[in-house]
PDB file of N, CA and C in Angstrom:
ATOM      1  N   THR A   1      93.815 114.997 114.481  1.00  0.00           N
ATOM      2  CA  THR A   1      93.155 114.827 115.770  1.00  0.00           C
ATOM      3  C   THR A   1      92.599 113.419 115.966  1.00  0.00           C
ATOM      4  N   ASP A   2      92.640 112.569 114.945  1.00  0.00           N
ATOM      5  CA  ASP A   2      92.132 111.206 115.100  1.00  0.00           C
ATOM      6  C   ASP A   2      93.260 110.181 114.971  1.00  0.00           C
ATOM      7  N   ARG A   3      94.463 110.596 115.352  1.00  0.00           N
ATOM      8  CA  ARG A   3      95.624 109.707 115.299  1.00  0.00           C
ATOM      9  C   ARG A   3      96.379 109.762 116.623  1.00  0.00           C
ATOM     10  N   GLY A   4      97.232 108.759 116.830  1.00  0.00           N
ATOM     11  CA  GLY A   4      98.071 108.766 118.015  1.00  0.00           C
ATOM     12  C   GLY A   4      97.491 108.012 119.192  1.00  0.00           C
ATOM     13  N   VAL A   5      96.274 107.514 119.052  1.00  0.00           N
ATOM     14  CA  VAL A   5      95.624 106.753 120.120  1.00  0.00           C
ATOM     15  C   VAL A   5      95.033 105.492 119.508  1.00  0.00           C
ATOM     16  N   VAL A   6      95.229 104.358 120.166  1.00  0.00           N
ATOM     17  CA  VAL A   6      94.602 103.116 119.708  1.00  0.00           C
ATOM     18  C   VAL A   6      93.279 103.004 120.453  1.00  0.00           C
ATOM     19  N   ARG A   7      92.201 103.341 119.738  1.00  0.00           N
ATOM     20  CA  ARG A   7      90.874 103.401 120.335  1.00  0.00           C
ATOM     21  C   ARG A   7      89.836 103.307 119.213  1.00  0.00           C
ATOM     22  N   PRO A   8      88.693 102.667 119.444  1.00  0.00           N
ATOM     23  CA  PRO A   8      87.655 102.610 118.395  1.00  0.00           C
ATOM     24  C   PRO A   8      87.303 104.011 117.896  1.00  0.00           C
ATOM     25  N   GLY A   9      87.194 104.131 116.573  1.00  0.00           N
ATOM     26  CA  GLY A   9      86.849 105.403 115.949  1.00  0.00           C
ATOM     27  C   GLY A   9      88.053 106.231 115.540  1.00  0.00           C
ATOM     28  N   TYR A  10      89.242 105.879 116.016  1.00  0.00           N
ATOM     29  CA  TYR A  10      90.454 106.584 115.644  1.00  0.00           C
ATOM     30  C   TYR A  10      91.171 105.792 114.556  1.00  0.00           C
ATOM     31  N   LEU A  11      91.920 106.504 113.712  1.00  0.00           N
ATOM     32  CA  LEU A  11      92.723 105.838 112.694  1.00  0.00           C
ATOM     33  C   LEU A  11      94.040 105.406 113.326  1.00  0.00           C
ATOM     34  N   ALA A  12      94.530 104.244 112.944  1.00  0.00           N
ATOM     35  CA  ALA A  12      95.795 103.775 113.486  1.00  0.00           C
ATOM     36  C   ALA A  12      96.531 102.949 112.446  1.00  0.00           C
ATOM     37  N   ASP A  13      97.799 103.251 112.274  1.00  0.00           N
ATOM     38  CA  ASP A  13      98.706 102.424 111.501  1.00  0.00           C
ATOM     39  C   ASP A  13      99.662 101.827 112.521  1.00  0.00           C
ATOM     40  N   LEU A  14      99.669 100.512 112.633  1.00  0.00           N
ATOM     41  CA  LEU A  14     100.491  99.852 113.636  1.00  0.00           C
ATOM     42  C   LEU A  14     101.556  98.989 112.972  1.00  0.00           C
ATOM     43  N   ASN A  15     102.750  99.015 113.528  1.00  0.00           N
ATOM     44  CA  ASN A  15     103.815  98.125 113.109  1.00  0.00           C
ATOM     45  C   ASN A  15     104.137  97.194 114.263  1.00  0.00           C
ATOM     46  N   VAL A  16     104.171  95.892 113.986  1.00  0.00           N
ATOM     47  CA  VAL A  16     104.574  94.893 114.969  1.00  0.00           C
ATOM     48  C   VAL A  16     106.024  94.565 114.652  1.00  0.00           C
ATOM     49  N   ILE A  17     106.935  94.885 115.586  1.00  0.00           N
ATOM     50  CA  ILE A  17     108.367  94.795 115.334  1.00  0.00           C
ATOM     51  C   ILE A  17     109.012  93.813 116.306  1.00  0.00           C
ATOM     52  N   ASP A  18     109.843  92.923 115.759  1.00  0.00           N
ATOM     53  CA  ASP A  18     110.677  92.042 116.562  1.00  0.00           C
ATOM     54  C   ASP A  18     112.037  92.729 116.670  1.00  0.00           C
ATOM     55  N   PHE A  19     112.277  93.426 117.779  1.00  0.00           N
ATOM     56  CA  PHE A  19     113.492  94.231 117.914  1.00  0.00           C
ATOM     57  C   PHE A  19     114.764  93.384 117.922  1.00  0.00           C
ATOM     58  N   ASP A  20     114.664  92.126 118.297  1.00  0.00           N
ATOM     59  CA  ASP A  20     115.839  91.258 118.268  1.00  0.00           C
ATOM     60  C   ASP A  20     116.266  90.937 116.838  1.00  0.00           C
ATOM     61  N   ARG A  21     115.345  91.007 115.896  1.00  0.00           N
ATOM     62  CA  ARG A  21     115.645  90.722 114.483  1.00  0.00           C
ATOM     63  C   ARG A  21     115.775  91.986 113.642  1.00  0.00           C
ATOM     64  N   LEU A  22     115.571  93.145 114.226  1.00  0.00           N
ATOM     65  CA  LEU A  22     115.554  94.389 113.466  1.00  0.00           C
ATOM     66  C   LEU A  22     116.903  94.656 112.812  1.00  0.00           C
ATOM     67  N   LYS A  23     116.881  94.819 111.492  1.00  0.00           N
ATOM     68  CA  LYS A  23     118.100  95.057 110.708  1.00  0.00           C
ATOM     69  C   LYS A  23     117.729  95.850 109.460  1.00  0.00           C
ATOM     70  N   LEU A  24     118.446  96.937 109.219  1.00  0.00           N
ATOM     71  CA  LEU A  24     118.240  97.738 108.011  1.00  0.00           C
ATOM     72  C   LEU A  24     119.169  97.257 106.910  1.00  0.00           C
ATOM     73  N   HIS A  25     118.663  97.248 105.685  1.00  0.00           N
ATOM     74  CA  HIS A  25     119.476  96.919 104.516  1.00  0.00           C
ATOM     75  C   HIS A  25     119.891  98.219 103.833  1.00  0.00           C
ATOM     76  N   ALA A  26     120.821  98.127 102.927  1.00  0.00           N
ATOM     77  CA  ALA A  26     121.314  99.315 102.221  1.00  0.00           C
ATOM     78  C   ALA A  26     120.191  99.974 101.419  1.00  0.00           C
ATOM     79  N   PRO A  27     120.117 101.309 101.445  1.00  0.00           N
ATOM     80  CA  PRO A  27     119.112 102.008 100.625  1.00  0.00           C
ATOM     81  C   PRO A  27     119.409 101.826  99.134  1.00  0.00           C
ATOM     82  N   TYR A  28     118.344 101.949  98.331  1.00  0.00           N
ATOM     83  CA  TYR A  28     118.503 101.847  96.878  1.00  0.00           C
ATOM     84  C   TYR A  28     117.473 102.741  96.193  1.00  0.00           C
ATOM     85  N   LEU A  29     117.733 103.091  94.938  1.00  0.00           N
ATOM     86  CA  LEU A  29     116.828 103.932  94.159  1.00  0.00           C
ATOM     87  C   LEU A  29     115.925 103.077  93.293  1.00  0.00           C
ATOM     88  N   ALA A  30     114.669 103.461  93.221  1.00  0.00           N
ATOM     89  CA  ALA A  30     113.707 102.824  92.321  1.00  0.00           C
ATOM     90  C   ALA A  30     113.196 103.887  91.359  1.00  0.00           C
ATOM     91  N   ASP A  31     113.034 103.526  90.109  1.00  0.00           N
ATOM     92  CA  ASP A  31     112.533 104.487  89.110  1.00  0.00           C
ATOM     93  C   ASP A  31     111.168 104.038  88.592  1.00  0.00           C
ATOM     94  N   ASP A  32     110.251 103.787  89.508  1.00  0.00           N
ATOM     95  CA  ASP A  32     108.934 103.277  89.131  1.00  0.00           C
ATOM     96  C   ASP A  32     107.832 104.332  89.189  1.00  0.00           C
ATOM     97  N   PHE A  33     108.203 105.593  89.384  1.00  0.00           N
ATOM     98  CA  PHE A  33     107.208 106.664  89.352  1.00  0.00           C
ATOM     99  C   PHE A  33     107.010 107.140  87.911  1.00  0.00           C
ATOM    100  N   PRO A  34     105.822 107.645  87.594  1.00  0.00           N
ATOM    101  CA  PRO A  34     105.601 108.212  86.260  1.00  0.00           C
ATOM    102  C   PRO A  34     106.548 109.382  86.002  1.00  0.00           C
ATOM    103  N   GLY A  35     106.933 109.552  84.782  1.00  0.00           N
ATOM    104  CA  GLY A  35     107.786 110.667  84.397  1.00  0.00           C
ATOM    105  C   GLY A  35     109.249 110.469  84.749  1.00  0.00           C
ATOM    106  N   GLY A  36     109.620 109.271  85.177  1.00  0.00           N
ATOM    107  CA  GLY A  36     111.020 108.987  85.459  1.00  0.00           C
ATOM    108  C   GLY A  36     111.516 109.471  86.812  1.00  0.00           C
ATOM    109  N   ALA A  37     110.628 109.936  87.683  1.00  0.00           N
ATOM    110  CA  ALA A  37     111.050 110.385  89.009  1.00  0.00           C
ATOM    111  C   ALA A  37     111.592 109.202  89.807  1.00  0.00           C
ATOM    112  N   LEU A  38     112.594 109.466  90.618  1.00  0.00           N
ATOM    113  CA  LEU A  38     113.208 108.437  91.436  1.00  0.00           C
ATOM    114  C   LEU A  38     112.686 108.516  92.870  1.00  0.00           C
ATOM    115  N   ARG A  39     112.770 107.391  93.568  1.00  0.00           N
ATOM    116  CA  ARG A  39     112.458 107.403  94.997  1.00  0.00           C
ATOM    117  C   ARG A  39     113.452 106.502  95.707  1.00  0.00           C
ATOM    118  N   LEU A  40     113.748 106.876  96.943  1.00  0.00           N
ATOM    119  CA  LEU A  40     114.702 106.139  97.758  1.00  0.00           C
ATOM    120  C   LEU A  40     113.958 105.118  98.604  1.00  0.00           C
ATOM    121  N   LEU A  41     114.376 103.864  98.537  1.00  0.00           N
ATOM    122  CA  LEU A  41     113.755 102.787  99.308  1.00  0.00           C
ATOM    123  C   LEU A  41     114.803 102.127 100.194  1.00  0.00           C
ATOM    124  N   GLN A  42     114.325 101.530 101.295  1.00  0.00           N
ATOM    125  CA  GLN A  42     115.218 100.794 102.170  1.00  0.00           C
ATOM    126  C   GLN A  42     114.436  99.661 102.826  1.00  0.00           C
ATOM    127  N   ARG A  43     114.883  98.453 102.666  1.00  0.00           N
ATOM    128  CA  ARG A  43     114.237  97.279 103.250  1.00  0.00           C
ATOM    129  C   ARG A  43     114.736  97.087 104.681  1.00  0.00           C
ATOM    130  N   ALA A  44     113.924  96.374 105.460  1.00  0.00           N
ATOM    131  CA  ALA A  44     114.298  96.074 106.837  1.00  0.00           C
ATOM    132  C   ALA A  44     113.770  94.707 107.219  1.00  0.00           C
ATOM    133  N   ASP A  45     114.524  93.987 108.021  1.00  0.00           N
ATOM    134  CA  ASP A  45     114.067  92.736 108.624  1.00  0.00           C
ATOM    135  C   ASP A  45     113.534  93.061 110.007  1.00  0.00           C
ATOM    136  N   GLY A  46     112.673  92.210 110.520  1.00  0.00           N
ATOM    137  CA  GLY A  46     112.169  92.378 111.874  1.00  0.00           C
ATOM    138  C   GLY A  46     110.779  92.977 111.958  1.00  0.00           C
ATOM    139  N   TYR A  47     110.264  93.482 110.844  1.00  0.00           N
ATOM    140  CA  TYR A  47     108.888  93.978 110.830  1.00  0.00           C
ATOM    141  C   TYR A  47     107.966  92.780 110.610  1.00  0.00           C
ATOM    142  N   GLU A  48     107.310  92.346 111.662  1.00  0.00           N
ATOM    143  CA  GLU A  48     106.427  91.178 111.596  1.00  0.00           C
ATOM    144  C   GLU A  48     105.166  91.488 110.791  1.00  0.00           C
ATOM    145  N   ALA A  49     104.565  92.657 111.056  1.00  0.00           N
ATOM    146  CA  ALA A  49     103.311  93.006 110.383  1.00  0.00           C
ATOM    147  C   ALA A  49     103.097  94.511 110.413  1.00  0.00           C
ATOM    148  N   THR A  50     102.392  95.014 109.405  1.00  0.00           N
ATOM    149  CA  THR A  50     101.893  96.381 109.380  1.00  0.00           C
ATOM    150  C   THR A  50     100.380  96.289 109.268  1.00  0.00           C
ATOM    151  N   ILE A  51      99.694  97.024 110.137  1.00  0.00           N
ATOM    152  CA  ILE A  51      98.236  96.948 110.217  1.00  0.00           C
ATOM    153  C   ILE A  51      97.656  98.331 109.967  1.00  0.00           C
ATOM    154  N   LYS A  52      96.728  98.427 109.034  1.00  0.00           N
ATOM    155  CA  LYS A  52      96.044  99.680 108.686  1.00  0.00           C
ATOM    156  C   LYS A  52      94.553  99.448 108.795  1.00  0.00           C
ATOM    157  N   ARG A  53      93.888 100.248 109.598  1.00  0.00           N
ATOM    158  CA  ARG A  53      92.437 100.130 109.796  1.00  0.00           C
ATOM    159  C   ARG A  53      92.007  98.697 110.121  1.00  0.00           C
ATOM    160  N   GLY A  54      92.806  98.017 110.948  1.00  0.00           N
ATOM    161  CA  GLY A  54      92.468  96.669 111.382  1.00  0.00           C
ATOM    162  C   GLY A  54      92.804  95.570 110.387  1.00  0.00           C
ATOM    163  N   LYS A  55      93.392  95.913 109.261  1.00  0.00           N
ATOM    164  CA  LYS A  55      93.745  94.927 108.225  1.00  0.00           C
ATOM    165  C   LYS A  55      95.267  94.802 108.136  1.00  0.00           C
ATOM    166  N   VAL A  56      95.770  93.572 108.097  1.00  0.00           N
ATOM    167  CA  VAL A  56      97.206  93.353 107.916  1.00  0.00           C
ATOM    168  C   VAL A  56      97.533  93.612 106.453  1.00  0.00           C
ATOM    169  N   THR A  57      98.353  94.643 106.211  1.00  0.00           N
ATOM    170  CA  THR A  57      98.706  95.012 104.841  1.00  0.00           C
ATOM    171  C   THR A  57     100.068  94.460 104.428  1.00  0.00           C
ATOM    172  N   PHE A  58     100.964  94.251 105.403  1.00  0.00           N
ATOM    173  CA  PHE A  58     102.265  93.643 105.149  1.00  0.00           C
ATOM    174  C   PHE A  58     102.530  92.607 106.234  1.00  0.00           C
ATOM    175  N   ARG A  59     103.089  91.482 105.842  1.00  0.00           N
ATOM    176  CA  ARG A  59     103.541  90.472 106.805  1.00  0.00           C
ATOM    177  C   ARG A  59     104.935  90.040 106.381  1.00  0.00           C
ATOM    178  N   GLU A  60     105.905  90.174 107.301  1.00  0.00           N
ATOM    179  CA  GLU A  60     107.314  89.838 107.014  1.00  0.00           C
ATOM    180  C   GLU A  60     107.824  90.541 105.755  1.00  0.00           C
ATOM    181  N   GLY A  61     107.426  91.789 105.557  1.00  0.00           N
ATOM    182  CA  GLY A  61     107.910  92.573 104.432  1.00  0.00           C
ATOM    183  C   GLY A  61     107.217  92.337 103.108  1.00  0.00           C
ATOM    184  N   GLU A  62     106.250  91.437 103.074  1.00  0.00           N
ATOM    185  CA  GLU A  62     105.531  91.139 101.830  1.00  0.00           C
ATOM    186  C   GLU A  62     104.132  91.722 101.887  1.00  0.00           C
ATOM    187  N   HIS A  63     103.735  92.389 100.808  1.00  0.00           N
ATOM    188  CA  HIS A  63     102.401  92.986 100.743  1.00  0.00           C
ATOM    189  C   HIS A  63     101.331  91.901 100.699  1.00  0.00           C
ATOM    190  N   CYS A  64     100.259  92.103 101.440  1.00  0.00           N
ATOM    191  CA  CYS A  64      99.187  91.100 101.541  1.00  0.00           C
ATOM    192  C   CYS A  64      98.049  91.328 100.546  1.00  0.00           C
ATOM    193  N   GLY A  65      98.159  92.364  99.698  1.00  0.00           N
ATOM    194  CA  GLY A  65      97.141  92.596  98.681  1.00  0.00           C
ATOM    195  C   GLY A  65      95.964  93.451  99.135  1.00  0.00           C
ATOM    196  N   LEU A  66      96.015  93.985 100.348  1.00  0.00           N
ATOM    197  CA  LEU A  66      94.928  94.826 100.849  1.00  0.00           C
ATOM    198  C   LEU A  66      95.341  96.294 100.820  1.00  0.00           C
ATOM    199  N   TYR A  67      94.374  97.169 100.520  1.00  0.00           N
ATOM    200  CA  TYR A  67      94.598  98.611 100.474  1.00  0.00           C
ATOM    201  C   TYR A  67      93.501  99.323 101.262  1.00  0.00           C
ATOM    202  N   PRO A  68      93.494  99.201 102.601  1.00  0.00           N
ATOM    203  CA  PRO A  68      92.399  99.791 103.372  1.00  0.00           C
ATOM    204  C   PRO A  68      92.520 101.291 103.605  1.00  0.00           C
ATOM    205  N   GLY A  69      93.616 101.904 103.221  1.00  0.00           N
ATOM    206  CA  GLY A  69      93.816 103.336 103.475  1.00  0.00           C
ATOM    207  C   GLY A  69      93.209 104.200 102.395  1.00  0.00           C
ATOM    208  N   GLY A  70      93.427 105.480 102.537  1.00  0.00           N
ATOM    209  CA  GLY A  70      92.963 106.449 101.554  1.00  0.00           C
ATOM    210  C   GLY A  70      93.893 107.644 101.540  1.00  0.00           C
ATOM    211  N   VAL A  71      93.746 108.494 100.560  1.00  0.00           N
ATOM    212  CA  VAL A  71      94.566 109.688 100.445  1.00  0.00           C
ATOM    213  C   VAL A  71      93.956 110.780 101.311  1.00  0.00           C
ATOM    214  N   VAL A  72      94.787 111.431 102.120  1.00  0.00           N
ATOM    215  CA  VAL A  72      94.345 112.543 102.959  1.00  0.00           C
ATOM    216  C   VAL A  72      94.957 113.808 102.388  1.00  0.00           C
ATOM    217  N   ARG A  73      94.109 114.760 102.042  1.00  0.00           N
ATOM    218  CA  ARG A  73      94.590 116.027 101.488  1.00  0.00           C
ATOM    219  C   ARG A  73      94.042 117.171 102.318  1.00  0.00           C
ATOM    220  N   GLY A  74      94.934 118.026 102.795  1.00  0.00           N
ATOM    221  CA  GLY A  74      94.525 119.213 103.541  1.00  0.00           C
ATOM    222  C   GLY A  74      93.943 118.883 104.907  1.00  0.00           C
ATOM    223  N   PRO A  75      93.476 119.907 105.607  1.00  0.00           N
ATOM    224  CA  PRO A  75      92.906 119.714 106.947  1.00  0.00           C
ATOM    225  C   PRO A  75      91.685 118.802 106.903  1.00  0.00           C
ATOM    226  N   GLN A  76      91.589 117.928 107.884  1.00  0.00           N
ATOM    227  CA  GLN A  76      90.483 116.976 107.962  1.00  0.00           C
ATOM    228  C   GLN A  76      89.636 117.263 109.195  1.00  0.00           C
ATOM    229  N   ALA A  77      88.363 116.983 109.092  1.00  0.00           N
ATOM    230  CA  ALA A  77      87.469 117.136 110.236  1.00  0.00           C
ATOM    231  C   ALA A  77      87.863 116.141 111.318  1.00  0.00           C
ATOM    232  N   ALA A  78      87.621 116.498 112.542  1.00  0.00           N
ATOM    233  CA  ALA A  78      87.969 115.641 113.682  1.00  0.00           C
ATOM    234  C   ALA A  78      86.869 114.614 113.893  1.00  0.00           C
ATOM    235  N   ARG A  79      86.795 113.633 113.000  1.00  0.00           N
ATOM    236  CA  ARG A  79      85.748 112.610 113.075  1.00  0.00           C
ATOM    237  C   ARG A  79      85.812 111.813 114.362  1.00  0.00           C
ATOM    238  N   ALA A  80      87.019 111.465 114.788  1.00  0.00           N
ATOM    239  CA  ALA A  80      87.146 110.633 115.984  1.00  0.00           C
ATOM    240  C   ALA A  80      86.610 111.376 117.206  1.00  0.00           C
ATOM    241  N   LEU A  81      86.891 112.672 117.303  1.00  0.00           N
ATOM    242  CA  LEU A  81      86.398 113.440 118.434  1.00  0.00           C
ATOM    243  C   LEU A  81      84.872 113.543 118.375  1.00  0.00           C
ATOM    244  N   ALA A  82      84.317 113.692 117.184  1.00  0.00           N
ATOM    245  CA  ALA A  82      82.864 113.744 117.040  1.00  0.00           C
ATOM    246  C   ALA A  82      82.246 112.406 117.439  1.00  0.00           C
ATOM    247  N   ASN A  83      82.879 111.298 117.028  1.00  0.00           N
ATOM    248  CA  ASN A  83      82.389 109.969 117.400  1.00  0.00           C
ATOM    249  C   ASN A  83      82.438 109.778 118.910  1.00  0.00           C
ATOM    250  N   GLU A  84      83.530 110.247 119.525  1.00  0.00           N
ATOM    251  CA  GLU A  84      83.675 110.091 120.970  1.00  0.00           C
ATOM    252  C   GLU A  84      82.626 110.914 121.709  1.00  0.00           C
ATOM    253  N   ALA A  85      82.361 112.118 121.250  1.00  0.00           N
ATOM    254  CA  ALA A  85      81.373 112.989 121.887  1.00  0.00           C
ATOM    255  C   ALA A  85      79.957 112.385 121.782  1.00  0.00           C
ATOM    256  N   ALA A  86      79.707 111.671 120.670  1.00  0.00           N
ATOM    257  CA  ALA A  86      78.389 111.084 120.465  1.00  0.00           C
ATOM    258  C   ALA A  86      78.168 109.885 121.393  1.00  0.00           C
ATOM    259  N   ASN A  87      79.248 109.260 121.844  1.00  0.00           N
ATOM    260  CA  ASN A  87      79.126 108.097 122.721  1.00  0.00           C
ATOM    261  C   ASN A  87      79.166 108.565 124.119  1.00  0.00           C
TER     262      ASN A  87
END
């Protein structure tokens, strides 16, 4: 309930995309998970920036060293709606 809207008090993950440069590369497997589990990755050109909680976390596909997010497990309280009601 606190996603999908760009507004103070709501969570937002934003991607800034240059659609003229957008290009997908071939997928590949990485074995960097514990226990030998594999994961499928795919790089792309044209992603100018990824923004999480107002912080640029990726620029031109390179990580910027910031980790402003958190793990969400199970149903979450509607904090954004509570914040909006209080204002």
